[in-house]
Amino acid sequence: MTLSCFHQFAGWSQSDPAWESLSQQFTRETDIRLNTFPLPENTLDTLDLGRSLLREGSFGPDVLFIDPIWSGPLDGDLIDLRPYLANEISSLEPQFLPGYTVDGKVVGIPYQVYIGAVEYRTDLLREYGYDHPPKTWQELESMAARIQEGERAKGKKNFWGYVWQGAAAEALTCNALEWQEGEGGGTIIENDRTISVNNPAAIRSWQRAKRWIGWISPPSVVAYRELDSINVFDSGGAAFGRVWREANITPGTIWPTLLAKVSGGR
């Protein structure tokens, strides 16, 4: 038996020895061969390719790696995984599942989750008398401003309090969502599909972030992508930095189980 799939483990190319080893182990244990499709670099191109291949019927992939926001667009071509992975699904953190559930159907399960986080310099927090990292955006703002002022007084004229991703891309949308929810401004579209984003709290949160530009964040932050903010923080140029952190759900458990149990049907 052969199972076709999109191969998209983070950091692994299809010729990577780690992927080859896992694929061979899976075939030995299940007697199922894997046929993998090459993927484009751009995520939207990957979505378009997946949708096109799925609708080709028997020539499409049996299993895909999808972004949670693809669950809706691909819903009509995906099966409900609950009959196949009931035990595995019940062991996951409940907060992960809504992003993979469409009209009561679980069309995907996470093997790896990226979580927005704030990195901070513990040495600077201690030096400036803070015994904990910021717990609110207001705390982050005031702490960043004070540390920045102190570091610039030492001659570090290009030191900034807080760096983040401000380029017109997905990361900025995620940042804005974090700001507005922290201000009590909702989540853009609520669970009942009400569009709630045009509200005073959300607007207030974005106005706060706008105020950071040129104050505790560099003017060029509006062009920053992930690597830009990481480079500034890692080089010692900022007190706080917004990053993505991986919360791994081991592929060695979920992924082979899914491949072994789901076959053919779409």
Protein backbone atom coordinates (compact mmCIF):
# COMPACT_ATOMS: atom_id res chain seq x y z
CA MET A 1 0.00 0.00 0.00
CA THR A 2 1.17 3.53 -0.78
CA LEU A 3 0.07 6.66 1.06
CA SER A 4 0.51 10.07 -0.58
CA CYS A 5 1.18 13.09 1.59
CA PHE A 6 2.51 16.61 1.67
CA HIS A 7 5.87 16.62 3.43
CA GLN A 8 6.28 19.74 5.54
CA PHE A 9 8.12 19.01 8.77
CA ALA A 10 9.71 22.25 9.93
CA GLY A 11 13.37 22.42 9.01
CA TRP A 12 13.37 19.10 7.09
CA SER A 13 13.79 18.81 3.36
CA GLN A 14 12.59 15.66 1.63
CA SER A 15 16.19 14.52 1.24
CA ASP A 16 16.97 15.13 4.92
CA PRO A 17 18.37 11.96 6.57
CA ALA A 18 16.03 12.44 9.55
CA TRP A 19 12.99 12.41 7.27
CA GLU A 20 14.33 9.44 5.31
CA SER A 21 14.95 7.51 8.53
CA LEU A 22 11.45 8.23 9.87
CA SER A 23 9.87 7.33 6.54
CA GLN A 24 11.75 4.03 6.36
CA GLN A 25 10.90 3.17 9.96
CA PHE A 26 7.23 3.89 9.28
CA THR A 27 7.25 1.61 6.23
CA ARG A 28 8.92 -1.22 8.19
CA GLU A 29 6.39 -1.00 11.01
CA THR A 30 3.24 -0.57 8.90
CA ASP A 31 4.13 -1.98 5.46
CA ILE A 32 2.87 1.33 4.02
CA ARG A 33 5.10 3.22 1.58
CA LEU A 34 5.07 7.01 1.58
CA ASN A 35 4.82 9.05 -1.59
CA THR A 36 5.55 12.70 -0.83
CA PHE A 37 4.68 15.76 -2.88
CA PRO A 38 7.22 18.61 -3.19
CA LEU A 39 5.92 21.88 -1.80
CA PRO A 40 6.29 25.49 -2.94
CA GLU A 41 8.08 27.88 -0.57
CA ASN A 42 5.14 30.30 -0.37
CA THR A 43 2.38 29.16 2.00
CA LEU A 44 -0.45 30.52 -0.15
CA ASP A 45 0.95 28.64 -3.15
CA THR A 46 0.95 25.51 -0.96
CA LEU A 47 -2.71 26.08 -0.12
CA ASP A 48 -3.60 26.52 -3.81
CA LEU A 49 -1.64 23.40 -4.73
CA GLY A 50 -3.32 21.37 -1.99
CA ARG A 51 -6.78 22.46 -3.04
CA SER A 52 -6.03 21.68 -6.69
CA LEU A 53 -4.58 18.22 -5.97
CA LEU A 54 -7.37 17.26 -3.58
CA ARG A 55 -9.94 17.97 -6.26
CA GLU A 56 -8.12 15.73 -8.71
CA GLY A 57 -9.45 12.76 -6.74
CA SER A 58 -7.22 9.70 -6.62
CA PHE A 59 -4.15 11.65 -7.74
CA GLY A 60 -4.21 13.99 -4.75
CA PRO A 61 -2.61 13.58 -1.31
CA ASP A 62 -4.21 11.38 1.34
CA VAL A 63 -2.75 13.42 4.20
CA LEU A 64 -1.77 17.10 4.28
CA PHE A 65 0.01 19.45 6.62
CA ILE A 66 -2.19 22.52 6.89
CA ASP A 67 -2.16 25.87 8.62
CA PRO A 68 -5.12 26.23 11.04
CA ILE A 69 -6.51 29.06 8.91
CA TRP A 70 -6.79 26.64 5.98
CA SER A 71 -9.29 24.42 7.79
CA GLY A 72 -12.26 26.37 6.45
CA PRO A 73 -11.16 26.68 2.79
CA LEU A 74 -10.27 22.97 2.61
CA ASP A 75 -13.18 21.67 4.69
CA GLY A 76 -15.10 20.20 1.77
CA ASP A 77 -12.13 18.02 0.79
CA LEU A 78 -11.17 16.74 4.26
CA ILE A 79 -12.63 13.93 6.35
CA ASP A 80 -13.52 14.00 10.05
CA LEU A 81 -10.52 12.55 11.93
CA ARG A 82 -12.36 11.70 15.16
CA PRO A 83 -13.27 8.10 14.22
CA TYR A 84 -9.60 7.41 13.40
CA LEU A 85 -7.77 9.34 16.12
CA ALA A 86 -10.18 9.53 19.05
CA ASN A 87 -7.57 8.66 21.69
CA GLU A 88 -4.95 11.01 20.28
CA ILE A 89 -7.44 13.88 19.96
CA SER A 90 -8.66 13.42 23.53
CA SER A 91 -5.08 13.75 24.79
CA LEU A 92 -4.51 17.15 23.16
CA GLU A 93 -4.93 20.47 24.92
CA PRO A 94 -8.57 21.50 24.24
CA GLN A 95 -7.53 25.04 23.23
CA PHE A 96 -5.74 23.66 20.16
CA LEU A 97 -8.77 22.05 18.53
CA PRO A 98 -11.08 24.97 17.59
CA GLY A 99 -8.65 26.06 14.87
CA TYR A 100 -8.92 22.64 13.25
CA THR A 101 -12.68 22.16 13.69
CA VAL A 102 -15.20 23.21 11.04
CA ASP A 103 -18.95 22.73 11.58
CA GLY A 104 -18.30 20.11 14.25
CA LYS A 105 -15.84 18.16 12.07
CA VAL A 106 -12.22 17.81 13.24
CA VAL A 107 -10.37 18.14 9.93
CA GLY A 108 -6.87 18.34 11.39
CA ILE A 109 -4.83 17.89 14.55
CA PRO A 110 -1.69 19.82 15.48
CA TYR A 111 1.71 18.17 15.55
CA GLN A 112 3.48 21.47 16.22
CA VAL A 113 2.12 24.76 17.56
CA TYR A 114 3.70 28.19 17.23
CA ILE A 115 2.95 30.52 20.14
CA GLY A 116 3.52 34.26 20.24
CA ALA A 117 5.86 35.18 23.10
CA VAL A 118 7.88 38.10 24.43
CA GLU A 119 11.61 37.57 25.02
CA TYR A 120 13.30 39.74 27.60
CA ARG A 121 16.74 40.46 29.00
CA THR A 122 16.83 39.07 32.55
CA ASP A 123 20.05 40.97 33.26
CA LEU A 124 18.45 44.28 32.38
CA LEU A 125 15.32 43.53 34.39
CA ARG A 126 17.47 42.88 37.46
CA GLU A 127 19.62 45.95 36.84
CA TYR A 128 16.59 48.24 36.65
CA GLY A 129 14.91 46.75 39.72
CA TYR A 130 12.23 44.53 38.15
CA ASP A 131 11.58 41.15 39.76
CA HIS A 132 9.23 39.89 37.04
CA PRO A 133 8.67 40.35 33.28
CA PRO A 134 5.77 42.55 32.14
CA LYS A 135 2.31 41.09 32.62
CA THR A 136 0.39 43.73 30.66
CA TRP A 137 1.07 45.91 27.62
CA GLN A 138 1.12 48.93 29.92
CA GLU A 139 3.85 47.31 32.03
CA LEU A 140 5.84 46.37 28.95
CA GLU A 141 5.61 49.92 27.66
CA SER A 142 6.76 51.55 30.89
CA MET A 143 9.54 49.01 31.52
CA ALA A 144 10.81 49.25 27.94
CA ALA A 145 10.88 53.05 28.10
CA ARG A 146 12.81 53.12 31.37
CA ILE A 147 15.38 50.52 30.31
CA GLN A 148 15.84 52.20 26.93
CA GLU A 149 16.46 55.55 28.59
CA GLY A 150 19.00 54.02 30.96
CA GLU A 151 20.88 52.14 28.25
CA ARG A 152 21.05 55.17 25.98
CA ALA A 153 22.44 57.19 28.87
CA LYS A 154 25.34 54.71 28.83
CA GLY A 155 26.03 55.64 25.21
CA LYS A 156 23.98 52.94 23.44
CA LYS A 157 22.20 55.39 21.15
CA ASN A 158 20.62 52.68 18.98
CA PHE A 159 19.20 50.68 21.87
CA TRP A 160 15.43 50.13 21.78
CA GLY A 161 12.92 49.04 24.38
CA TYR A 162 10.76 46.74 22.27
CA VAL A 163 11.07 45.22 18.79
CA TRP A 164 8.36 43.35 16.94
CA GLN A 165 7.13 42.57 13.42
CA GLY A 166 5.47 45.55 11.73
CA ALA A 167 5.71 44.65 8.04
CA ALA A 168 2.46 44.11 6.16
CA ALA A 169 2.38 40.34 6.72
CA GLU A 170 0.72 37.62 8.80
CA ALA A 171 2.91 38.32 11.84
CA LEU A 172 1.59 41.89 12.08
CA THR A 173 -1.98 40.59 12.05
CA CYS A 174 -1.08 38.22 14.90
CA ASN A 175 0.56 41.06 16.82
CA ALA A 176 -2.48 43.30 16.37
CA LEU A 177 -4.76 40.50 17.55
CA GLU A 178 -2.66 40.05 20.69
CA TRP A 179 -2.78 43.80 21.38
CA GLN A 180 -6.53 44.09 20.92
CA GLU A 181 -7.40 41.00 22.97
CA GLY A 182 -5.13 42.23 25.76
CA GLU A 183 -7.11 45.47 25.74
CA GLY A 184 -10.45 43.60 25.83
CA GLY A 185 -11.15 44.28 22.16
CA GLY A 186 -12.19 40.78 21.12
CA THR A 187 -10.75 38.52 18.43
CA ILE A 188 -11.76 40.13 15.09
CA ILE A 189 -14.38 37.43 14.37
CA GLU A 190 -16.05 35.83 17.38
CA ASN A 191 -17.14 32.20 17.78
CA ASP A 192 -20.66 33.09 16.67
CA ARG A 193 -19.13 34.61 13.48
CA THR A 194 -19.91 38.14 14.58
CA ILE A 195 -17.36 40.62 13.22
CA SER A 196 -16.41 42.49 16.37
CA VAL A 197 -13.18 44.20 15.41
CA ASN A 198 -14.55 47.74 14.99
CA ASN A 199 -14.78 48.60 18.68
CA PRO A 200 -13.20 51.23 20.96
CA ALA A 201 -10.95 48.78 22.84
CA ALA A 202 -9.44 47.38 19.65
CA ILE A 203 -8.84 50.86 18.27
CA ARG A 204 -7.27 51.92 21.55
CA SER A 205 -4.86 48.98 21.46
CA TRP A 206 -3.66 49.85 17.95
CA GLN A 207 -3.25 53.49 18.87
CA ARG A 208 -1.04 52.39 21.75
CA ALA A 209 1.14 50.33 19.39
CA LYS A 210 1.35 53.23 16.94
CA ARG A 211 2.70 55.38 19.76
CA TRP A 212 5.57 52.92 20.27
CA ILE A 213 6.96 53.59 16.77
CA GLY A 214 9.88 55.99 17.11
CA TRP A 215 9.54 55.97 20.92
CA ILE A 216 10.34 52.50 22.31
CA SER A 217 10.42 50.81 18.91
CA PRO A 218 12.55 51.93 15.95
CA PRO A 219 10.84 53.85 13.13
CA SER A 220 11.91 51.04 10.80
CA VAL A 221 9.90 48.49 12.81
CA VAL A 222 7.07 49.00 10.28
CA ALA A 223 9.24 47.04 7.82
CA TYR A 224 10.42 44.38 10.28
CA ARG A 225 9.75 40.71 9.62
CA GLU A 226 10.61 37.90 12.03
CA LEU A 227 14.33 37.75 11.30
CA ASP A 228 14.69 41.54 11.57
CA SER A 229 13.33 41.68 15.11
CA ILE A 230 15.24 38.53 16.11
CA ASN A 231 18.51 39.97 14.85
CA VAL A 232 18.05 43.21 16.78
CA PHE A 233 17.18 41.44 20.02
CA ASP A 234 19.83 38.72 19.72
CA SER A 235 22.54 41.31 19.04
CA GLY A 236 21.70 43.07 22.32
CA GLY A 237 19.87 45.96 20.69
CA ALA A 238 16.59 45.71 22.61
CA ALA A 239 15.20 44.90 26.05
CA PHE A 240 12.11 43.06 24.78
CA GLY A 241 11.32 41.27 21.52
CA ARG A 242 8.21 39.60 20.21
CA VAL A 243 8.95 36.13 18.78
CA TRP A 244 7.34 32.85 17.76
CA ARG A 245 8.12 29.87 19.96
CA GLU A 246 7.42 26.25 19.04
CA ALA A 247 5.35 24.06 21.32
CA ASN A 248 6.14 20.64 19.88
CA ILE A 249 3.69 17.79 19.69
CA THR A 250 6.04 14.93 18.87
CA PRO A 251 5.71 13.81 15.23
CA GLY A 252 6.83 10.37 16.37
CA THR A 253 3.46 9.81 18.03
CA ILE A 254 0.75 11.74 16.18
CA TRP A 255 2.15 11.65 12.65
CA PRO A 256 2.77 7.90 12.16
CA THR A 257 -0.51 7.12 13.90
CA LEU A 258 -2.39 9.40 11.53
CA LEU A 259 -0.69 7.95 8.46
CA ALA A 260 -1.34 4.40 9.60
CA LYS A 261 -5.02 4.96 10.38
CA VAL A 262 -6.14 7.31 7.61
CA SER A 263 -6.00 5.86 4.11
CA GLY A 264 -7.58 6.72 0.81
CA GLY A 265 -10.85 8.37 1.82
CA ARG A 266 -11.30 12.08 1.34
